[in-house]
PDB file of all heavy atoms in Angstrom:
ATOM      1  N   THR A   1    -116.728  13.209 120.442  1.00  0.00           N
ATOM      2  CA  THR A   1    -117.039  14.495 119.826  1.00  0.00           C
ATOM      3  C   THR A   1    -118.561  14.619 119.828  1.00  0.00           C
ATOM      4  O   THR A   1    -119.254  13.834 119.179  1.00  0.00           O
ATOM      5  CB  THR A   1    -116.464  14.605 118.403  1.00  0.00           C
ATOM      6  OG1 THR A   1    -116.629  13.362 117.712  1.00  0.00           O
ATOM      7  CG2 THR A   1    -114.995  14.949 118.441  1.00  0.00           C
ATOM      8  N   ALA A   2    -119.056  15.566 120.585  1.00  0.00           N
ATOM      9  CA  ALA A   2    -120.492  15.704 120.829  1.00  0.00           C
ATOM     10  C   ALA A   2    -121.104  16.712 119.870  1.00  0.00           C
ATOM     11  O   ALA A   2    -120.708  17.880 119.843  1.00  0.00           O
ATOM     12  CB  ALA A   2    -120.738  16.137 122.272  1.00  0.00           C
ATOM     13  N   TYR A   3    -122.076  16.256 119.090  1.00  0.00           N
ATOM     14  CA  TYR A   3    -122.805  17.185 118.234  1.00  0.00           C
ATOM     15  C   TYR A   3    -124.190  17.415 118.837  1.00  0.00           C
ATOM     16  O   TYR A   3    -124.594  16.755 119.791  1.00  0.00           O
ATOM     17  CB  TYR A   3    -122.888  16.670 116.800  1.00  0.00           C
ATOM     18  CG  TYR A   3    -123.879  15.564 116.548  1.00  0.00           C
ATOM     19  CD1 TYR A   3    -125.188  15.833 116.159  1.00  0.00           C
ATOM     20  CD2 TYR A   3    -123.506  14.223 116.671  1.00  0.00           C
ATOM     21  CE1 TYR A   3    -126.102  14.821 115.911  1.00  0.00           C
ATOM     22  CE2 TYR A   3    -124.408  13.201 116.429  1.00  0.00           C
ATOM     23  CZ  TYR A   3    -125.708  13.504 116.049  1.00  0.00           C
ATOM     24  OH  TYR A   3    -126.600  12.491 115.812  1.00  0.00           O
ATOM     25  N   GLY A   4    -124.909  18.383 118.283  1.00  0.00           N
ATOM     26  CA  GLY A   4    -126.231  18.701 118.828  1.00  0.00           C
ATOM     27  C   GLY A   4    -126.180  19.279 120.217  1.00  0.00           C
ATOM     28  O   GLY A   4    -127.129  19.131 120.980  1.00  0.00           O
ATOM     29  N   VAL A   5    -125.091  19.951 120.574  1.00  0.00           N
ATOM     30  CA  VAL A   5    -124.950  20.440 121.952  1.00  0.00           C
ATOM     31  C   VAL A   5    -126.013  21.478 122.300  1.00  0.00           C
ATOM     32  O   VAL A   5    -126.304  21.702 123.478  1.00  0.00           O
ATOM     33  CB  VAL A   5    -123.531  21.011 122.198  1.00  0.00           C
ATOM     34  CG1 VAL A   5    -122.483  19.920 122.073  1.00  0.00           C
ATOM     35  CG2 VAL A   5    -123.221  22.156 121.246  1.00  0.00           C
ATOM     36  N   LEU A   6    -126.594  22.113 121.290  1.00  0.00           N
ATOM     37  CA  LEU A   6    -127.680  23.069 121.525  1.00  0.00           C
ATOM     38  C   LEU A   6    -129.022  22.516 121.080  1.00  0.00           C
ATOM     39  O   LEU A   6    -129.973  23.259 120.830  1.00  0.00           O
ATOM     40  CB  LEU A   6    -127.381  24.401 120.830  1.00  0.00           C
ATOM     41  CG  LEU A   6    -126.117  25.115 121.329  1.00  0.00           C
ATOM     42  CD1 LEU A   6    -125.950  26.452 120.635  1.00  0.00           C
ATOM     43  CD2 LEU A   6    -126.140  25.284 122.837  1.00  0.00           C
ATOM     44  N   ALA A   7    -129.101  21.184 120.988  1.00  0.00           N
ATOM     45  CA  ALA A   7    -130.360  20.490 120.704  1.00  0.00           C
ATOM     46  C   ALA A   7    -131.029  21.025 119.444  1.00  0.00           C
ATOM     47  O   ALA A   7    -132.227  21.291 119.422  1.00  0.00           O
ATOM     48  CB  ALA A   7    -131.310  20.572 121.905  1.00  0.00           C
ATOM     49  N   HIS A   8    -130.217  21.194 118.396  1.00  0.00           N
ATOM     50  CA  HIS A   8    -130.728  21.631 117.089  1.00  0.00           C
ATOM     51  C   HIS A   8    -131.402  22.999 117.149  1.00  0.00           C
ATOM     52  O   HIS A   8    -132.233  23.328 116.313  1.00  0.00           O
ATOM     53  CB  HIS A   8    -131.687  20.596 116.507  1.00  0.00           C
ATOM     54  CG  HIS A   8    -131.112  19.215 116.444  1.00  0.00           C
ATOM     55  ND1 HIS A   8    -130.262  18.793 115.446  1.00  0.00           N
ATOM     56  CD2 HIS A   8    -131.247  18.152 117.280  1.00  0.00           C
ATOM     57  CE1 HIS A   8    -129.907  17.539 115.660  1.00  0.00           C
ATOM     58  NE2 HIS A   8    -130.477  17.141 116.776  1.00  0.00           N
ATOM     59  N   GLY A   9    -131.044  23.784 118.146  1.00  0.00           N
ATOM     60  CA  GLY A   9    -131.587  25.133 118.280  1.00  0.00           C
ATOM     61  C   GLY A   9    -132.427  25.359 119.512  1.00  0.00           C
ATOM     62  O   GLY A   9    -132.622  26.507 119.938  1.00  0.00           O
ATOM     63  N   LEU A  10    -132.936  24.301 120.121  1.00  0.00           N
ATOM     64  CA  LEU A  10    -133.796  24.463 121.293  1.00  0.00           C
ATOM     65  C   LEU A  10    -133.055  25.094 122.466  1.00  0.00           C
ATOM     66  O   LEU A  10    -133.636  25.863 123.249  1.00  0.00           O
ATOM     67  CB  LEU A  10    -134.371  23.110 121.720  1.00  0.00           C
ATOM     68  CG  LEU A  10    -135.473  22.520 120.841  1.00  0.00           C
ATOM     69  CD1 LEU A  10    -135.854  21.127 121.334  1.00  0.00           C
ATOM     70  CD2 LEU A  10    -136.697  23.427 120.825  1.00  0.00           C
ATOM     71  N   LEU A  11    -131.771  24.778 122.608  1.00  0.00           N
ATOM     72  CA  LEU A  11    -131.013  25.251 123.758  1.00  0.00           C
ATOM     73  C   LEU A  11    -130.267  26.557 123.502  1.00  0.00           C
ATOM     74  O   LEU A  11    -129.390  26.929 124.273  1.00  0.00           O
ATOM     75  CB  LEU A  11    -130.021  24.167 124.208  1.00  0.00           C
ATOM     76  CG  LEU A  11    -130.639  23.009 125.009  1.00  0.00           C
ATOM     77  CD1 LEU A  11    -129.659  21.849 125.138  1.00  0.00           C
ATOM     78  CD2 LEU A  11    -131.085  23.493 126.386  1.00  0.00           C
ATOM     79  N   THR A  12    -130.620  27.249 122.438  1.00  0.00           N
ATOM     80  CA  THR A  12    -129.997  28.552 122.214  1.00  0.00           C
ATOM     81  C   THR A  12    -130.517  29.593 123.193  1.00  0.00           C
ATOM     82  O   THR A  12    -129.861  30.596 123.454  1.00  0.00           O
ATOM     83  CB  THR A  12    -130.277  29.054 120.786  1.00  0.00           C
ATOM     84  OG1 THR A  12    -131.690  29.160 120.591  1.00  0.00           O
ATOM     85  CG2 THR A  12    -129.666  28.117 119.748  1.00  0.00           C
ATOM     86  N   GLY A  13    -131.737  29.361 123.706  1.00  0.00           N
ATOM     87  CA  GLY A  13    -132.349  30.354 124.577  1.00  0.00           C
ATOM     88  C   GLY A  13    -133.062  31.450 123.817  1.00  0.00           C
ATOM     89  O   GLY A  13    -133.691  32.326 124.411  1.00  0.00           O
ATOM     90  N   THR A  14    -132.983  31.407 122.487  1.00  0.00           N
ATOM     91  CA  THR A  14    -133.640  32.423 121.653  1.00  0.00           C
ATOM     92  C   THR A  14    -134.773  31.834 120.824  1.00  0.00           C
ATOM     93  O   THR A  14    -135.525  32.572 120.188  1.00  0.00           O
ATOM     94  CB  THR A  14    -132.632  33.088 120.706  1.00  0.00           C
ATOM     95  OG1 THR A  14    -132.045  32.092 119.851  1.00  0.00           O
ATOM     96  CG2 THR A  14    -131.522  33.778 121.493  1.00  0.00           C
ATOM     97  N   TYR A  15    -134.898  30.497 120.823  1.00  0.00           N
ATOM     98  CA  TYR A  15    -135.930  29.862 120.006  1.00  0.00           C
ATOM     99  C   TYR A  15    -137.305  30.078 120.625  1.00  0.00           C
ATOM    100  O   TYR A  15    -137.489  29.933 121.830  1.00  0.00           O
ATOM    101  CB  TYR A  15    -135.644  28.357 119.879  1.00  0.00           C
ATOM    102  CG  TYR A  15    -136.628  27.634 118.973  1.00  0.00           C
ATOM    103  CD1 TYR A  15    -136.403  27.549 117.603  1.00  0.00           C
ATOM    104  CD2 TYR A  15    -137.785  27.068 119.492  1.00  0.00           C
ATOM    105  CE1 TYR A  15    -137.307  26.904 116.776  1.00  0.00           C
ATOM    106  CE2 TYR A  15    -138.691  26.421 118.676  1.00  0.00           C
ATOM    107  CZ  TYR A  15    -138.448  26.342 117.315  1.00  0.00           C
ATOM    108  OH  TYR A  15    -139.354  25.706 116.497  1.00  0.00           O
ATOM    109  N   ARG A  16    -138.264  30.423 119.777  1.00  0.00           N
ATOM    110  CA  ARG A  16    -139.644  30.598 120.219  1.00  0.00           C
ATOM    111  C   ARG A  16    -140.558  29.744 119.353  1.00  0.00           C
ATOM    112  O   ARG A  16    -140.302  29.545 118.169  1.00  0.00           O
ATOM    113  CB  ARG A  16    -140.076  32.072 120.112  1.00  0.00           C
ATOM    114  CG  ARG A  16    -139.275  33.004 121.013  1.00  0.00           C
ATOM    115  CD  ARG A  16    -139.577  32.746 122.486  1.00  0.00           C
ATOM    116  NE  ARG A  16    -138.837  33.653 123.357  1.00  0.00           N
ATOM    117  CZ  ARG A  16    -137.658  33.403 123.875  1.00  0.00           C
ATOM    118  NH1 ARG A  16    -137.042  32.256 123.595  1.00  0.00           N
ATOM    119  NH2 ARG A  16    -137.057  34.277 124.668  1.00  0.00           N
ATOM    120  N   GLN A  17    -141.636  29.259 119.916  1.00  0.00           N
ATOM    121  CA  GLN A  17    -142.558  28.403 119.180  1.00  0.00           C
ATOM    122  C   GLN A  17    -143.189  29.193 118.034  1.00  0.00           C
ATOM    123  O   GLN A  17    -143.869  30.199 118.256  1.00  0.00           O
ATOM    124  CB  GLN A  17    -143.647  27.867 120.111  1.00  0.00           C
ATOM    125  CG  GLN A  17    -144.547  26.843 119.450  1.00  0.00           C
ATOM    126  CD  GLN A  17    -145.344  26.053 120.474  1.00  0.00           C
ATOM    127  OE1 GLN A  17    -145.183  26.226 121.671  1.00  0.00           O
ATOM    128  NE2 GLN A  17    -146.180  25.159 119.998  1.00  0.00           N
ATOM    129  N   PRO A  18    -142.952  28.771 116.783  1.00  0.00           N
ATOM    130  CA  PRO A  18    -143.498  29.512 115.643  1.00  0.00           C
ATOM    131  C   PRO A  18    -145.005  29.310 115.524  1.00  0.00           C
ATOM    132  O   PRO A  18    -145.532  28.237 115.813  1.00  0.00           O
ATOM    133  CB  PRO A  18    -142.751  28.917 114.445  1.00  0.00           C
ATOM    134  CG  PRO A  18    -142.401  27.528 114.883  1.00  0.00           C
ATOM    135  CD  PRO A  18    -142.149  27.620 116.366  1.00  0.00           C
ATOM    136  N   ALA A  19    -145.680  30.361 115.053  1.00  0.00           N
ATOM    137  CA  ALA A  19    -147.132  30.294 114.952  1.00  0.00           C
ATOM    138  C   ALA A  19    -147.581  29.235 113.954  1.00  0.00           C
ATOM    139  O   ALA A  19    -148.585  28.548 114.162  1.00  0.00           O
ATOM    140  CB  ALA A  19    -147.679  31.663 114.548  1.00  0.00           C
ATOM    141  N   GLY A  20    -146.837  29.077 112.862  1.00  0.00           N
ATOM    142  CA  GLY A  20    -147.242  28.130 111.832  1.00  0.00           C
ATOM    143  C   GLY A  20    -146.622  26.761 111.960  1.00  0.00           C
ATOM    144  O   GLY A  20    -146.745  25.935 111.047  1.00  0.00           O
ATOM    145  N   GLY A  21    -145.947  26.483 113.064  1.00  0.00           N
ATOM    146  CA  GLY A  21    -145.268  25.205 113.215  1.00  0.00           C
ATOM    147  C   GLY A  21    -143.871  25.240 112.616  1.00  0.00           C
ATOM    148  O   GLY A  21    -143.546  26.107 111.800  1.00  0.00           O
ATOM    149  N   ASP A  22    -143.047  24.318 113.012  1.00  0.00           N
ATOM    150  CA  ASP A  22    -141.660  24.235 112.550  1.00  0.00           C
ATOM    151  C   ASP A  22    -141.518  22.995 111.675  1.00  0.00           C
ATOM    152  O   ASP A  22    -141.875  21.897 112.099  1.00  0.00           O
ATOM    153  CB  ASP A  22    -140.716  24.149 113.758  1.00  0.00           C
ATOM    154  CG  ASP A  22    -139.261  24.348 113.386  1.00  0.00           C
ATOM    155  OD1 ASP A  22    -138.823  23.748 112.391  1.00  0.00           O
ATOM    156  OD2 ASP A  22    -138.559  25.095 114.096  1.00  0.00           O
ATOM    157  N   PRO A  23    -140.998  23.138 110.447  1.00  0.00           N
ATOM    158  CA  PRO A  23    -140.860  21.963 109.578  1.00  0.00           C
ATOM    159  C   PRO A  23    -139.963  20.884 110.165  1.00  0.00           C
ATOM    160  O   PRO A  23    -140.069  19.714 109.800  1.00  0.00           O
ATOM    161  CB  PRO A  23    -140.271  22.544 108.284  1.00  0.00           C
ATOM    162  CG  PRO A  23    -139.686  23.869 108.675  1.00  0.00           C
ATOM    163  CD  PRO A  23    -140.542  24.375 109.782  1.00  0.00           C
ATOM    164  N   ARG A  24    -139.097  21.253 111.093  1.00  0.00           N
ATOM    165  CA  ARG A  24    -138.234  20.254 111.724  1.00  0.00           C
ATOM    166  C   ARG A  24    -139.026  19.239 112.542  1.00  0.00           C
ATOM    167  O   ARG A  24    -138.528  18.163 112.879  1.00  0.00           O
ATOM    168  CB  ARG A  24    -137.202  20.954 112.620  1.00  0.00           C
ATOM    169  CG  ARG A  24    -136.054  21.575 111.872  1.00  0.00           C
ATOM    170  CD  ARG A  24    -135.140  22.368 112.788  1.00  0.00           C
ATOM    171  NE  ARG A  24    -135.758  23.599 113.224  1.00  0.00           N
ATOM    172  CZ  ARG A  24    -135.098  24.543 113.914  1.00  0.00           C
ATOM    173  NH1 ARG A  24    -133.829  24.355 114.252  1.00  0.00           N
ATOM    174  NH2 ARG A  24    -135.713  25.657 114.271  1.00  0.00           N
ATOM    175  N   ALA A  25    -140.263  19.582 112.879  1.00  0.00           N
ATOM    176  CA  ALA A  25    -141.080  18.680 113.692  1.00  0.00           C
ATOM    177  C   ALA A  25    -141.329  17.353 112.998  1.00  0.00           C
ATOM    178  O   ALA A  25    -141.612  16.347 113.657  1.00  0.00           O
ATOM    179  CB  ALA A  25    -142.417  19.341 114.014  1.00  0.00           C
ATOM    180  N   HIS A  26    -141.207  17.307 111.682  1.00  0.00           N
ATOM    181  CA  HIS A  26    -141.461  16.063 110.953  1.00  0.00           C
ATOM    182  C   HIS A  26    -140.336  15.047 111.142  1.00  0.00           C
ATOM    183  O   HIS A  26    -140.554  13.852 110.984  1.00  0.00           O
ATOM    184  CB  HIS A  26    -141.656  16.357 109.463  1.00  0.00           C
ATOM    185  CG  HIS A  26    -142.902  17.133 109.185  1.00  0.00           C
ATOM    186  ND1 HIS A  26    -144.164  16.613 109.360  1.00  0.00           N
ATOM    187  CD2 HIS A  26    -143.081  18.426 108.778  1.00  0.00           C
ATOM    188  CE1 HIS A  26    -145.062  17.534 109.052  1.00  0.00           C
ATOM    189  NE2 HIS A  26    -144.438  18.640 108.711  1.00  0.00           N
ATOM    190  N   TRP A  27    -139.138  15.510 111.466  1.00  0.00           N
ATOM    191  CA  TRP A  27    -138.032  14.570 111.677  1.00  0.00           C
ATOM    192  C   TRP A  27    -137.354  14.746 113.034  1.00  0.00           C
ATOM    193  O   TRP A  27    -136.537  13.912 113.428  1.00  0.00           O
ATOM    194  CB  TRP A  27    -137.014  14.674 110.543  1.00  0.00           C
ATOM    195  CG  TRP A  27    -136.401  16.021 110.321  1.00  0.00           C
ATOM    196  CD1 TRP A  27    -136.977  17.123 109.760  1.00  0.00           C
ATOM    197  CD2 TRP A  27    -135.060  16.417 110.648  1.00  0.00           C
ATOM    198  NE1 TRP A  27    -136.097  18.174 109.728  1.00  0.00           N
ATOM    199  CE2 TRP A  27    -134.910  17.773 110.252  1.00  0.00           C
ATOM    200  CE3 TRP A  27    -133.981  15.750 111.217  1.00  0.00           C
ATOM    201  CZ2 TRP A  27    -133.725  18.484 110.424  1.00  0.00           C
ATOM    202  CZ3 TRP A  27    -132.785  16.454 111.385  1.00  0.00           C
ATOM    203  CH2 TRP A  27    -132.678  17.808 110.990  1.00  0.00           C
ATOM    204  N   LEU A  28    -137.732  15.817 113.763  1.00  0.00           N
ATOM    205  CA  LEU A  28    -137.240  16.030 115.124  1.00  0.00           C
ATOM    206  C   LEU A  28    -138.454  16.171 116.043  1.00  0.00           C
ATOM    207  O   LEU A  28    -139.009  17.264 116.203  1.00  0.00           O
ATOM    208  CB  LEU A  28    -136.375  17.293 115.200  1.00  0.00           C
ATOM    209  CG  LEU A  28    -135.052  17.279 114.443  1.00  0.00           C
ATOM    210  CD1 LEU A  28    -134.413  18.666 114.468  1.00  0.00           C
ATOM    211  CD2 LEU A  28    -134.100  16.250 115.036  1.00  0.00           C
ATOM    212  N   PRO A  29    -138.926  15.072 116.640  1.00  0.00           N
ATOM    213  CA  PRO A  29    -140.149  15.117 117.451  1.00  0.00           C
ATOM    214  C   PRO A  29    -140.115  16.122 118.593  1.00  0.00           C
ATOM    215  O   PRO A  29    -141.177  16.537 119.070  1.00  0.00           O
ATOM    216  CB  PRO A  29    -140.265  13.684 117.975  1.00  0.00           C
ATOM    217  CG  PRO A  29    -139.589  12.857 116.937  1.00  0.00           C
ATOM    218  CD  PRO A  29    -138.432  13.692 116.469  1.00  0.00           C
ATOM    219  N   ARG A  30    -138.943  16.523 119.035  1.00  0.00           N
ATOM    220  CA  ARG A  30    -138.892  17.481 120.132  1.00  0.00           C
ATOM    221  C   ARG A  30    -139.390  18.864 119.711  1.00  0.00           C
ATOM    222  O   ARG A  30    -139.670  19.706 120.577  1.00  0.00           O
ATOM    223  CB  ARG A  30    -137.470  17.545 120.697  1.00  0.00           C
ATOM    224  CG  ARG A  30    -137.122  16.263 121.434  1.00  0.00           C
ATOM    225  CD  ARG A  30    -135.680  16.151 121.825  1.00  0.00           C
ATOM    226  NE  ARG A  30    -135.450  14.870 122.492  1.00  0.00           N
ATOM    227  CZ  ARG A  30    -134.247  14.388 122.797  1.00  0.00           C
ATOM    228  NH1 ARG A  30    -133.155  15.068 122.491  1.00  0.00           N
ATOM    229  NH2 ARG A  30    -134.133  13.219 123.399  1.00  0.00           N
ATOM    230  N   PHE A  31    -139.504  19.089 118.399  1.00  0.00           N
ATOM    231  CA  PHE A  31    -140.060  20.340 117.888  1.00  0.00           C
ATOM    232  C   PHE A  31    -141.562  20.226 117.606  1.00  0.00           C
ATOM    233  O   PHE A  31    -142.183  21.211 117.224  1.00  0.00           O
ATOM    234  CB  PHE A  31    -139.340  20.759 116.601  1.00  0.00           C
ATOM    235  CG  PHE A  31    -137.971  21.333 116.829  1.00  0.00           C
ATOM    236  CD1 PHE A  31    -136.870  20.509 116.983  1.00  0.00           C
ATOM    237  CD2 PHE A  31    -137.780  22.703 116.898  1.00  0.00           C
ATOM    238  CE1 PHE A  31    -135.602  21.032 117.187  1.00  0.00           C
ATOM    239  CE2 PHE A  31    -136.520  23.242 117.111  1.00  0.00           C
ATOM    240  CZ  PHE A  31    -135.423  22.410 117.261  1.00  0.00           C
ATOM    241  N   HIS A  32    -142.111  19.035 117.764  1.00  0.00           N
ATOM    242  CA  HIS A  32    -143.527  18.856 117.500  1.00  0.00           C
ATOM    243  C   HIS A  32    -144.339  19.612 118.560  1.00  0.00           C
ATOM    244  O   HIS A  32    -143.942  19.664 119.728  1.00  0.00           O
ATOM    245  CB  HIS A  32    -143.889  17.365 117.533  1.00  0.00           C
ATOM    246  CG  HIS A  32    -145.252  17.068 117.018  1.00  0.00           C
ATOM    247  ND1 HIS A  32    -146.385  17.181 117.798  1.00  0.00           N
ATOM    248  CD2 HIS A  32    -145.680  16.680 115.797  1.00  0.00           C
ATOM    249  CE1 HIS A  32    -147.452  16.864 117.078  1.00  0.00           C
ATOM    250  NE2 HIS A  32    -147.049  16.564 115.862  1.00  0.00           N
ATOM    251  N   PRO A  33    -145.471  20.225 118.171  1.00  0.00           N
ATOM    252  CA  PRO A  33    -146.268  20.992 119.149  1.00  0.00           C
ATOM    253  C   PRO A  33    -146.628  20.226 120.419  1.00  0.00           C
ATOM    254  O   PRO A  33    -146.742  20.831 121.494  1.00  0.00           O
ATOM    255  CB  PRO A  33    -147.527  21.356 118.350  1.00  0.00           C
ATOM    256  CG  PRO A  33    -147.059  21.414 116.935  1.00  0.00           C
ATOM    257  CD  PRO A  33    -146.024  20.324 116.810  1.00  0.00           C
ATOM    258  N   ASP A  34    -146.786  18.896 120.317  1.00  0.00           N
ATOM    259  CA  ASP A  34    -147.115  18.113 121.507  1.00  0.00           C
ATOM    260  C   ASP A  34    -145.978  18.106 122.529  1.00  0.00           C
ATOM    261  O   ASP A  34    -146.196  17.847 123.720  1.00  0.00           O
ATOM    262  CB  ASP A  34    -147.442  16.665 121.130  1.00  0.00           C
ATOM    263  CG  ASP A  34    -148.752  16.543 120.367  1.00  0.00           C
ATOM    264  OD1 ASP A  34    -149.485  17.544 120.297  1.00  0.00           O
ATOM    265  OD2 ASP A  34    -149.017  15.450 119.842  1.00  0.00           O
ATOM    266  N   ASN A  35    -144.760  18.366 122.057  1.00  0.00           N
ATOM    267  CA  ASN A  35    -143.577  18.288 122.912  1.00  0.00           C
ATOM    268  C   ASN A  35    -142.899  19.638 123.141  1.00  0.00           C
ATOM    269  O   ASN A  35    -142.199  19.821 124.147  1.00  0.00           O
ATOM    270  CB  ASN A  35    -142.545  17.337 122.308  1.00  0.00           C
ATOM    271  CG  ASN A  35    -143.065  15.922 122.162  1.00  0.00           C
ATOM    272  OD1 ASN A  35    -143.783  15.429 123.035  1.00  0.00           O
ATOM    273  ND2 ASN A  35    -142.714  15.261 121.069  1.00  0.00           N
ATOM    274  N   LEU A  36    -143.082  20.549 122.213  1.00  0.00           N
ATOM    275  CA  LEU A  36    -142.278  21.764 122.208  1.00  0.00           C
ATOM    276  C   LEU A  36    -142.485  22.625 123.449  1.00  0.00           C
ATOM    277  O   LEU A  36    -141.517  23.141 124.020  1.00  0.00           O
ATOM    278  CB  LEU A  36    -142.578  22.575 120.945  1.00  0.00           C
ATOM    279  CG  LEU A  36    -141.680  23.791 120.693  1.00  0.00           C
ATOM    280  CD1 LEU A  36    -140.211  23.384 120.672  1.00  0.00           C
ATOM    281  CD2 LEU A  36    -142.071  24.462 119.377  1.00  0.00           C
ATOM    282  N   ALA A  37    -143.725  22.778 123.886  1.00  0.00           N
ATOM    283  CA  ALA A  37    -143.977  23.629 125.054  1.00  0.00           C
ATOM    284  C   ALA A  37    -143.239  23.110 126.286  1.00  0.00           C
ATOM    285  O   ALA A  37    -142.649  23.890 127.044  1.00  0.00           O
ATOM    286  CB  ALA A  37    -145.485  23.719 125.326  1.00  0.00           C
ATOM    287  N   THR A  38    -143.268  21.786 126.481  1.00  0.00           N
ATOM    288  CA  THR A  38    -142.548  21.192 127.607  1.00  0.00           C
ATOM    289  C   THR A  38    -141.056  21.485 127.512  1.00  0.00           C
ATOM    290  O   THR A  38    -140.409  21.853 128.504  1.00  0.00           O
ATOM    291  CB  THR A  38    -142.780  19.669 127.640  1.00  0.00           C
ATOM    292  OG1 THR A  38    -144.156  19.412 127.885  1.00  0.00           O
ATOM    293  CG2 THR A  38    -141.931  19.011 128.720  1.00  0.00           C
ATOM    294  N   ASN A  39    -140.503  21.330 126.317  1.00  0.00           N
ATOM    295  CA  ASN A  39    -139.064  21.501 126.148  1.00  0.00           C
ATOM    296  C   ASN A  39    -138.635  22.954 126.301  1.00  0.00           C
ATOM    297  O   ASN A  39    -137.568  23.240 126.863  1.00  0.00           O
ATOM    298  CB  ASN A  39    -138.645  20.948 124.786  1.00  0.00           C
ATOM    299  CG  ASN A  39    -138.826  19.444 124.711  1.00  0.00           C
ATOM    300  OD1 ASN A  39    -138.784  18.762 125.736  1.00  0.00           O
ATOM    301  ND2 ASN A  39    -139.045  18.921 123.520  1.00  0.00           N
ATOM    302  N   LEU A  40    -139.451  23.880 125.847  1.00  0.00           N
ATOM    303  CA  LEU A  40    -139.111  25.291 126.017  1.00  0.00           C
ATOM    304  C   LEU A  40    -139.222  25.712 127.483  1.00  0.00           C
ATOM    305  O   LEU A  40    -138.489  26.600 127.940  1.00  0.00           O
ATOM    306  CB  LEU A  40    -140.009  26.157 125.139  1.00  0.00           C
ATOM    307  CG  LEU A  40    -139.754  26.041 123.629  1.00  0.00           C
ATOM    308  CD1 LEU A  40    -140.694  26.963 122.852  1.00  0.00           C
ATOM    309  CD2 LEU A  40    -138.296  26.365 123.290  1.00  0.00           C
ATOM    310  N   THR A  41    -140.102  25.060 128.228  1.00  0.00           N
ATOM    311  CA  THR A  41    -140.177  25.315 129.668  1.00  0.00           C
ATOM    312  C   THR A  41    -138.878  24.905 130.356  1.00  0.00           C
ATOM    313  O   THR A  41    -138.385  25.596 131.264  1.00  0.00           O
ATOM    314  CB  THR A  41    -141.367  24.559 130.289  1.00  0.00           C
ATOM    315  OG1 THR A  41    -142.586  25.052 129.718  1.00  0.00           O
ATOM    316  CG2 THR A  41    -141.406  24.749 131.796  1.00  0.00           C
TER     317      THR A  41
END
């Protein structure tokens, strides 16, 4: 049973990098600004 199939929101296709940062970045490194641009690409 696979969870996180949309990568906690990244794979919805509607997520955009927030101007003030995303609080999830503290426990989900893929949302951290150092990584987020690559992942949204």
